């Protein structure tokens, strides 16, 4: 790296430190926070307190360990500043909040929230901690903006165990969806411009969560299992009734190997008077994504969107869900998100928050360096099947509709 880019990088990092520095009442923890974040961003093999301290030139890790365990500062205040930082540099109209959880494999039984539980990261049951996260995505970039440690009932029902792990007494049991709801409310109260929410089926199958998003005035595209009932029938049965012409080949965004292209089918769902009244202000949808090379592989979604939204819009939001996976991967690989050695509740939130701060800095600097371009999408027109079986409105490509109009 030559001097000019290095100086620019250093200047932008100093500006970020100035934004969060006022959260530390004393100079020592403020300096240690800077050293910690610099180490998370630096070429450190294993980003634990020992190696971060060595990178910072400290003789022992005591200062950095004190920063995580005993210093007087609030990780939630840094999170709030982080959200403002991301809003300032990556915020845009129609911002998407992405909810997901990730596992942190751990040994022993004393780390806060640890137990044998299913980890989607490992794809199996492991002795691990689970963190529920929110990422924010716009065409400018994407970054993690919120986090909560999931505490199983085996922990919240054991007051002595919670006390030993320094878990606040008011922190009772909350499901992962409860934690997600809390983070959505925090995002709405933050400077982040949020219009859409997306998540995998673990969250999308919860009708109360979807209803909560609608009540909050948010649009969503949520994955659901194939057994999801839609006004009675299963969604896989309903999608199976789609006419062949309803399947459209669309990209849901770029991946590591180029555009992620699938076949998509979607249908508008009838309004529900109890929720929508006589003049609905939003439209509910069901849609499916089918692999081109393996057509038996399908994924299903439910959506609630503005009346003018198109299938192409919904496909783009569905594709945004992968961005939180990219955030997890880069935050773990580049910023040591999972390389902590703290056991207590406060230490977990402090390390995770500082790792998120480092990751957001990388996302913002990448956005500043990246040339912007406008993505063009397909905006299909609505068409009603001649043999409707469920009162839905299947979406067909515009060119097919124009051809049908000229031949009638």
Protein backbone atom coordinates (compact mmCIF):
# COMPACT_ATOMS: atom_id res chain seq x y z
CA UNK A 1 0.00 0.00 0.00
CA UNK A 2 1.56 3.35 -0.99
CA UNK A 3 1.62 6.42 1.24
CA UNK A 4 -1.37 8.26 -0.20
CA UNK A 5 -3.96 5.46 0.20
CA UNK A 6 -2.51 4.64 3.63
CA UNK A 7 -2.87 8.25 4.73
CA UNK A 8 -6.45 8.38 3.44
CA UNK A 9 -7.25 5.11 5.21
CA UNK A 10 -5.76 6.43 8.44
CA UNK A 11 -7.67 9.69 8.20
CA UNK A 12 -11.00 7.93 7.69
CA UNK A 13 -10.29 5.61 10.61
CA UNK A 14 -9.45 8.57 12.84
CA UNK A 15 -12.74 10.21 11.88
CA UNK A 16 -14.58 7.06 12.95
CA UNK A 17 -12.68 7.00 16.26
CA UNK A 18 -13.72 10.60 16.86
CA UNK A 19 -17.38 9.64 16.35
CA UNK A 20 -17.26 6.96 19.06
CA UNK A 21 -14.53 8.33 21.32
CA UNK A 22 -16.88 10.43 23.44
CA UNK A 23 -18.43 7.20 24.75
CA UNK A 24 -15.30 6.68 26.88
CA UNK A 25 -14.99 9.01 29.84
CA UNK A 26 -11.29 8.26 30.38
CA UNK A 27 -8.36 8.40 28.00
CA UNK A 28 -6.99 4.92 28.82
CA UNK A 29 -10.02 2.89 27.61
CA UNK A 30 -10.36 5.24 24.64
CA UNK A 31 -6.79 4.47 23.57
CA UNK A 32 -7.27 0.77 24.20
CA UNK A 33 -10.42 0.79 22.07
CA UNK A 34 -8.41 2.32 19.23
CA UNK A 35 -5.66 -0.27 19.63
CA UNK A 36 -8.23 -3.07 19.72
CA UNK A 37 -10.00 -1.95 16.54
CA UNK A 38 -6.69 -1.34 14.75
CA UNK A 39 -5.66 -4.88 15.67
CA UNK A 40 -8.95 -6.29 14.37
CA UNK A 41 -8.25 -4.52 11.08
CA UNK A 42 -4.56 -5.46 11.03
CA UNK A 43 -2.62 -8.50 9.76
CA UNK A 44 -2.98 -10.45 13.00
CA UNK A 45 -3.12 -14.24 12.71
CA UNK A 46 -5.44 -14.99 15.62
CA UNK A 47 -7.26 -11.92 16.86
CA UNK A 48 -7.33 -12.70 20.56
CA UNK A 49 -6.17 -10.37 23.32
CA UNK A 50 -2.60 -11.71 23.32
CA UNK A 51 -1.97 -11.22 19.62
CA UNK A 52 -3.88 -7.93 19.46
CA UNK A 53 -1.79 -6.64 22.35
CA UNK A 54 1.43 -7.71 20.63
CA UNK A 55 0.32 -5.96 17.44
CA UNK A 56 -0.42 -2.78 19.43
CA UNK A 57 2.98 -2.90 21.15
CA UNK A 58 1.63 -3.76 24.61
CA UNK A 59 3.82 -5.91 26.85
CA UNK A 60 0.82 -7.87 28.15
CA UNK A 61 -2.85 -8.29 27.13
CA UNK A 62 -4.05 -6.97 30.48
CA UNK A 63 -5.14 -3.58 29.13
CA UNK A 64 -7.21 -5.03 26.28
CA UNK A 65 -8.73 -7.66 28.55
CA UNK A 66 -9.65 -4.89 31.01
CA UNK A 67 -11.29 -3.02 28.12
CA UNK A 68 -13.62 -5.95 27.48
CA UNK A 69 -14.25 -6.98 31.07
CA UNK A 70 -14.10 -4.07 33.51
CA UNK A 71 -13.82 -0.66 31.81
CA UNK A 72 -16.74 1.75 32.20
CA UNK A 73 -18.35 2.02 28.76
CA UNK A 74 -21.53 0.83 27.09
CA UNK A 75 -21.36 -1.37 24.01
CA UNK A 76 -24.92 -0.36 23.10
CA UNK A 77 -23.83 3.27 22.79
CA UNK A 78 -21.09 2.25 20.35
CA UNK A 79 -23.72 0.26 18.45
CA UNK A 80 -25.85 3.38 18.19
CA UNK A 81 -22.89 5.34 16.83
CA UNK A 82 -22.17 2.49 14.42
CA UNK A 83 -25.71 2.70 13.06
CA UNK A 84 -25.33 6.43 12.55
CA UNK A 85 -22.00 5.87 10.77
CA UNK A 86 -23.50 3.29 8.43
CA UNK A 87 -26.54 5.49 7.79
CA UNK A 88 -24.30 8.43 6.90
CA UNK A 89 -22.12 6.53 4.44
CA UNK A 90 -24.26 3.62 3.18
CA UNK A 91 -27.80 4.80 3.89
CA UNK A 92 -30.20 5.06 0.96
CA UNK A 93 -33.88 5.02 0.23
CA UNK A 94 -35.37 1.51 0.28
CA UNK A 95 -32.68 0.26 2.68
CA UNK A 96 -32.98 -3.42 3.60
CA UNK A 97 -32.60 -4.82 7.11
CA UNK A 98 -31.50 -8.46 7.07
CA UNK A 99 -32.01 -10.71 10.09
CA UNK A 100 -30.06 -13.92 10.68
CA UNK A 101 -28.16 -15.77 13.38
CA UNK A 102 -24.74 -17.36 13.41
CA UNK A 103 -23.02 -19.81 15.73
CA UNK A 104 -19.76 -19.52 17.64
CA UNK A 105 -18.37 -22.95 18.54
CA UNK A 106 -17.06 -23.00 22.11
CA UNK A 107 -15.64 -25.48 24.60
CA UNK A 108 -16.87 -25.87 28.14
CA UNK A 109 -20.08 -24.73 29.81
CA UNK A 110 -19.22 -21.34 31.35
CA UNK A 111 -19.36 -18.99 28.34
CA UNK A 112 -22.61 -17.01 28.47
CA UNK A 113 -25.38 -18.74 26.51
CA UNK A 114 -23.31 -21.75 25.53
CA UNK A 115 -24.94 -25.16 25.23
CA UNK A 116 -25.33 -27.94 22.69
CA UNK A 117 -27.70 -26.44 20.14
CA UNK A 118 -28.20 -26.38 16.41
CA UNK A 119 -25.88 -24.02 14.59
CA UNK A 120 -26.73 -23.11 11.02
CA UNK A 121 -23.11 -22.05 10.61
CA UNK A 122 -21.87 -25.57 11.34
CA UNK A 123 -24.97 -27.25 9.87
CA UNK A 124 -25.32 -29.50 12.91
CA UNK A 125 -25.74 -29.49 16.69
CA UNK A 126 -22.64 -28.14 18.40
CA UNK A 127 -21.57 -26.82 21.78
CA UNK A 128 -21.83 -23.17 20.84
CA UNK A 129 -23.15 -19.69 21.42
CA UNK A 130 -25.73 -18.23 19.04
CA UNK A 131 -25.79 -14.57 18.13
CA UNK A 132 -28.76 -12.96 16.38
CA UNK A 133 -27.65 -10.18 14.03
CA UNK A 134 -29.07 -7.46 11.81
CA UNK A 135 -27.27 -6.28 8.68
CA UNK A 136 -28.12 -3.22 6.63
CA UNK A 137 -27.87 -3.26 2.84
CA UNK A 138 -28.26 -0.73 0.05
CA UNK A 139 -26.72 -0.49 -3.43
CA UNK A 140 -23.86 1.40 -1.74
CA UNK A 141 -22.81 -1.50 0.47
CA UNK A 142 -23.75 -3.64 3.44
CA UNK A 143 -22.61 -4.03 7.04
CA UNK A 144 -23.65 -5.55 10.37
CA UNK A 145 -25.51 -3.00 12.49
CA UNK A 146 -26.91 -4.84 15.52
CA UNK A 147 -26.45 -7.99 17.61
CA UNK A 148 -27.90 -9.87 20.57
CA UNK A 149 -26.64 -13.00 22.33
CA UNK A 150 -29.30 -15.71 22.45
CA UNK A 151 -29.73 -17.20 25.92
CA UNK A 152 -31.42 -20.63 26.03
CA UNK A 153 -33.84 -21.44 28.84
CA UNK A 154 -31.18 -23.65 30.42
CA UNK A 155 -29.44 -20.36 31.17
CA UNK A 156 -32.28 -17.98 31.99
CA UNK A 157 -33.80 -20.56 34.37
CA UNK A 158 -30.49 -20.82 36.27
CA UNK A 159 -29.98 -17.55 38.16
CA UNK A 160 -26.65 -18.59 39.70
CA UNK A 161 -25.22 -19.48 36.32
CA UNK A 162 -26.40 -16.17 34.89
CA UNK A 163 -24.92 -14.26 37.81
CA UNK A 164 -21.53 -15.95 37.31
CA UNK A 165 -21.56 -14.97 33.61
CA UNK A 166 -22.52 -11.37 34.50
CA UNK A 167 -25.82 -11.61 32.64
CA UNK A 168 -28.08 -8.69 33.70
CA UNK A 169 -30.83 -9.74 36.09
CA UNK A 170 -33.48 -8.18 33.85
CA UNK A 171 -32.39 -10.27 30.87
CA UNK A 172 -35.00 -13.02 30.78
CA UNK A 173 -35.64 -15.63 28.13
CA UNK A 174 -36.30 -14.29 24.65
CA UNK A 175 -36.70 -16.31 21.47
CA UNK A 176 -34.54 -15.51 18.48
CA UNK A 177 -37.60 -13.92 16.87
CA UNK A 178 -38.11 -11.79 19.98
CA UNK A 179 -34.51 -10.59 19.67
CA UNK A 180 -35.07 -9.90 15.97
CA UNK A 181 -38.16 -7.84 16.79
CA UNK A 182 -36.16 -5.78 19.28
CA UNK A 183 -33.46 -5.08 16.69
CA UNK A 184 -36.02 -4.05 14.08
CA UNK A 185 -37.49 -1.52 16.52
CA UNK A 186 -34.01 -0.20 17.30
CA UNK A 187 -33.26 0.18 13.59
CA UNK A 188 -36.48 2.14 13.10
CA UNK A 189 -35.48 4.46 15.93
CA UNK A 190 -31.99 4.92 14.44
CA UNK A 191 -30.87 7.13 11.54
CA UNK A 192 -30.89 4.09 9.23
CA UNK A 193 -33.47 4.51 6.42
CA UNK A 194 -35.20 1.11 6.49
CA UNK A 195 -38.00 0.17 4.09
CA UNK A 196 -37.62 -3.61 3.70
CA UNK A 197 -36.85 -6.57 5.95
CA UNK A 198 -35.75 -10.01 4.80
CA UNK A 199 -34.79 -13.19 6.66
CA UNK A 200 -34.64 -16.95 6.27
CA UNK A 201 -37.43 -19.39 7.03
CA UNK A 202 -36.65 -19.61 10.75
CA UNK A 203 -38.01 -16.07 11.02
CA UNK A 204 -40.29 -15.95 7.98
CA UNK A 205 -42.50 -18.83 9.09
CA UNK A 206 -43.55 -16.85 12.19
CA UNK A 207 -46.85 -15.18 11.28
CA UNK A 208 -46.63 -12.92 14.35
CA UNK A 209 -43.27 -11.62 13.20
CA UNK A 210 -44.60 -10.92 9.70
CA UNK A 211 -47.62 -9.17 11.18
CA UNK A 212 -45.33 -7.12 13.43
CA UNK A 213 -43.42 -5.92 10.37
CA UNK A 214 -46.64 -4.89 8.63
CA UNK A 215 -47.84 -3.04 11.72
CA UNK A 216 -44.48 -1.24 11.81
CA UNK A 217 -45.05 -0.04 8.24
CA UNK A 218 -42.26 -2.20 6.79
CA UNK A 219 -42.31 -4.23 3.60
CA UNK A 220 -40.72 -7.67 3.60
CA UNK A 221 -39.72 -10.72 1.61
CA UNK A 222 -39.36 -13.66 4.00
CA UNK A 223 -38.34 -17.22 3.22
CA UNK A 224 -40.78 -19.87 4.44
CA UNK A 225 -40.72 -23.69 4.48
CA UNK A 226 -42.49 -25.64 1.76
CA UNK A 227 -45.11 -26.69 4.32
CA UNK A 228 -46.11 -23.05 4.95
CA UNK A 229 -49.87 -22.66 4.72
CA UNK A 230 -51.19 -19.79 2.61
CA UNK A 231 -54.86 -19.16 3.31
CA UNK A 232 -55.19 -22.90 3.91
CA UNK A 233 -53.24 -24.81 1.24
CA UNK A 234 -49.48 -25.41 1.46
CA UNK A 235 -47.32 -23.01 -0.49
CA UNK A 236 -45.56 -25.79 -2.43
CA UNK A 237 -48.96 -27.07 -3.63
CA UNK A 238 -50.00 -23.60 -4.73
CA UNK A 239 -46.74 -22.94 -6.56
CA UNK A 240 -47.18 -26.30 -8.26
CA UNK A 241 -50.28 -24.86 -9.95
CA UNK A 242 -48.34 -22.04 -11.59
CA UNK A 243 -48.63 -22.06 -15.41
CA UNK A 244 -45.35 -22.76 -17.20
CA UNK A 245 -45.38 -19.21 -18.59
CA UNK A 246 -45.32 -17.79 -15.04
CA UNK A 247 -41.70 -18.86 -14.49
CA UNK A 248 -39.29 -16.06 -15.33
CA UNK A 249 -35.50 -16.17 -15.40
CA UNK A 250 -34.21 -13.31 -13.27
CA UNK A 251 -31.05 -12.37 -11.41
CA UNK A 252 -31.38 -11.73 -7.69
CA UNK A 253 -28.02 -10.00 -7.46
CA UNK A 254 -24.36 -10.66 -8.07
CA UNK A 255 -22.44 -13.38 -6.30
CA UNK A 256 -18.79 -14.40 -6.24
CA UNK A 257 -19.18 -16.00 -9.67
CA UNK A 258 -21.38 -13.35 -11.28
CA UNK A 259 -25.16 -12.86 -11.39
CA UNK A 260 -27.21 -15.33 -9.33
CA UNK A 261 -29.83 -16.36 -11.88
CA UNK A 262 -32.86 -18.51 -11.06
CA UNK A 263 -36.32 -19.16 -12.38
CA UNK A 264 -38.94 -17.30 -10.37
CA UNK A 265 -42.74 -17.55 -10.15
CA UNK A 266 -44.91 -15.21 -8.12
CA UNK A 267 -48.58 -14.54 -7.49
CA UNK A 268 -50.46 -11.75 -5.80
CA UNK A 269 -52.54 -12.97 -2.88
CA UNK A 270 -56.08 -11.86 -2.11
CA UNK A 271 -56.47 -9.10 0.46
CA UNK A 272 -57.59 -10.02 3.97
CA UNK A 273 -60.33 -7.67 5.05
CA UNK A 274 -59.57 -8.01 8.79
CA UNK A 275 -56.07 -6.68 8.17
CA UNK A 276 -56.40 -4.61 5.00
CA UNK A 277 -59.87 -3.09 5.15
CA UNK A 278 -61.70 -1.94 2.04
CA UNK A 279 -58.74 -0.07 0.53
CA UNK A 280 -55.49 -2.02 0.98
CA UNK A 281 -52.32 0.03 1.00
CA UNK A 282 -50.02 -2.94 0.38
CA UNK A 283 -50.02 -6.15 -1.62
CA UNK A 284 -49.17 -9.60 -0.29
CA UNK A 285 -47.38 -12.11 -2.50
CA UNK A 286 -46.13 -15.66 -2.58
CA UNK A 287 -43.16 -16.51 -4.74
CA UNK A 288 -40.80 -19.37 -5.46
CA UNK A 289 -37.19 -19.63 -6.62
CA UNK A 290 -36.18 -22.63 -8.73
CA UNK A 291 -32.66 -23.73 -9.57
CA UNK A 292 -31.91 -23.75 -13.28
CA UNK A 293 -29.56 -26.75 -13.14
CA UNK A 294 -31.51 -28.62 -10.44
CA UNK A 295 -35.19 -27.82 -11.06
CA UNK A 296 -36.29 -29.96 -8.13
CA UNK A 297 -34.62 -27.50 -5.76
CA UNK A 298 -37.12 -24.79 -4.85
CA UNK A 299 -37.26 -22.12 -2.18
CA UNK A 300 -40.44 -20.36 -1.10
CA UNK A 301 -41.20 -16.84 0.12
CA UNK A 302 -44.02 -14.69 1.42
CA UNK A 303 -43.92 -10.97 0.81
CA UNK A 304 -45.75 -7.80 1.71
CA UNK A 305 -44.91 -4.84 -0.49
CA UNK A 306 -46.18 -1.48 -1.75
CA UNK A 307 -48.93 -1.72 -4.35
CA UNK A 308 -46.58 -0.65 -7.14
CA UNK A 309 -43.92 -3.27 -6.36
CA UNK A 310 -43.06 -5.76 -9.12
CA UNK A 311 -41.67 -9.28 -9.13
CA UNK A 312 -38.28 -7.86 -10.07
CA UNK A 313 -38.36 -5.72 -6.91
CA UNK A 314 -39.21 -8.71 -4.73
CA UNK A 315 -36.49 -10.84 -6.32
CA UNK A 316 -33.88 -8.21 -5.53
CA UNK A 317 -34.97 -8.06 -1.88
CA UNK A 318 -34.95 -11.85 -1.62
CA UNK A 319 -31.43 -11.83 -3.03
CA UNK A 320 -30.32 -9.36 -0.37
CA UNK A 321 -30.55 -12.06 2.28
CA UNK A 322 -27.20 -13.47 1.14
CA UNK A 323 -25.53 -10.19 2.02
CA UNK A 324 -25.65 -10.99 5.72
CA UNK A 325 -23.84 -14.25 4.98
CA UNK A 326 -21.18 -12.18 3.22
CA UNK A 327 -21.05 -9.93 6.29
CA UNK A 328 -20.55 -12.91 8.60
CA UNK A 329 -17.82 -14.34 6.41
CA UNK A 330 -15.89 -11.10 6.02
CA UNK A 331 -16.36 -10.04 9.66
CA UNK A 332 -15.04 -13.40 10.84
CA UNK A 333 -12.21 -13.64 8.31
CA UNK A 334 -11.10 -10.01 8.34
CA UNK A 335 -12.19 -8.59 11.71
CA UNK A 336 -12.04 -11.50 14.16
CA UNK A 337 -15.76 -11.56 14.88
CA UNK A 338 -15.52 -15.16 16.13
CA UNK A 339 -11.99 -15.07 17.55
CA UNK A 340 -12.78 -13.87 21.05
CA UNK A 341 -11.85 -15.59 24.30
CA UNK A 342 -14.29 -13.80 26.63
CA UNK A 343 -16.80 -15.83 28.61
CA UNK A 344 -19.05 -13.22 30.15
CA UNK A 345 -22.11 -11.56 28.67
CA UNK A 346 -20.69 -8.03 28.71
CA UNK A 347 -17.39 -9.11 27.16
CA UNK A 348 -19.20 -10.88 24.32
CA UNK A 349 -21.22 -7.79 23.41
CA UNK A 350 -18.17 -5.54 23.65
CA UNK A 351 -15.96 -7.68 21.42
CA UNK A 352 -18.73 -8.29 18.90
CA UNK A 353 -19.59 -4.59 18.76
CA UNK A 354 -15.98 -3.52 18.17
CA UNK A 355 -15.59 -6.22 15.50
CA UNK A 356 -18.75 -4.89 13.84
CA UNK A 357 -17.31 -1.38 14.01
CA UNK A 358 -14.15 -2.59 12.25
CA UNK A 359 -16.24 -4.40 9.65
CA UNK A 360 -18.42 -1.34 9.02
CA UNK A 361 -15.25 0.70 8.45
CA UNK A 362 -14.12 -1.78 5.79
CA UNK A 363 -17.57 -1.69 4.17
CA UNK A 364 -17.58 2.12 4.06
CA UNK A 365 -14.04 2.42 2.69
CA UNK A 366 -14.87 -0.19 0.04
CA UNK A 367 -18.00 1.76 -0.89
CA UNK A 368 -15.99 4.96 -1.25
CA UNK A 369 -13.50 3.21 -3.53
CA UNK A 370 -16.07 1.42 -5.64
CA UNK A 371 -17.53 2.89 -8.79
CA UNK A 372 -21.32 3.10 -8.66
CA UNK A 373 -23.57 1.73 -11.41
CA UNK A 374 -27.32 1.41 -11.97
CA UNK A 375 -28.69 -2.10 -12.21
CA UNK A 376 -31.49 -2.56 -14.71
CA UNK A 377 -34.19 -5.02 -13.86
CA UNK A 378 -37.23 -6.57 -15.47
CA UNK A 379 -40.60 -5.13 -14.50
CA UNK A 380 -43.21 -7.72 -15.42
CA UNK A 381 -46.82 -6.83 -15.88
CA UNK A 382 -49.65 -8.51 -14.01
CA UNK A 383 -51.65 -11.23 -15.72
CA UNK A 384 -54.49 -13.36 -14.41
CA UNK A 385 -54.52 -17.06 -15.30
CA UNK A 386 -57.45 -18.22 -17.43
CA UNK A 387 -57.80 -21.15 -15.02
CA UNK A 388 -57.22 -19.66 -11.57
CA UNK A 389 -57.38 -22.22 -8.78
CA UNK A 390 -56.74 -19.98 -5.80
CA UNK A 391 -57.78 -16.47 -6.80
CA UNK A 392 -54.19 -15.33 -7.22
CA UNK A 393 -52.65 -13.19 -9.92
CA UNK A 394 -49.66 -14.87 -11.58
CA UNK A 395 -46.95 -12.64 -13.02
CA UNK A 396 -45.90 -13.16 -16.65
CA UNK A 397 -43.11 -11.45 -18.61
CA UNK A 398 -44.00 -8.28 -20.48
CA UNK A 399 -42.86 -9.61 -23.85
CA UNK A 400 -45.17 -12.60 -23.54
CA UNK A 401 -48.11 -10.35 -22.74
CA UNK A 402 -47.37 -8.11 -25.72
CA UNK A 403 -47.20 -11.15 -28.00
CA UNK A 404 -50.55 -12.36 -26.67
CA UNK A 405 -52.11 -8.95 -27.25
CA UNK A 406 -51.00 -8.86 -30.91
CA UNK A 407 -52.29 -12.37 -31.68
CA UNK A 408 -55.76 -11.91 -30.21
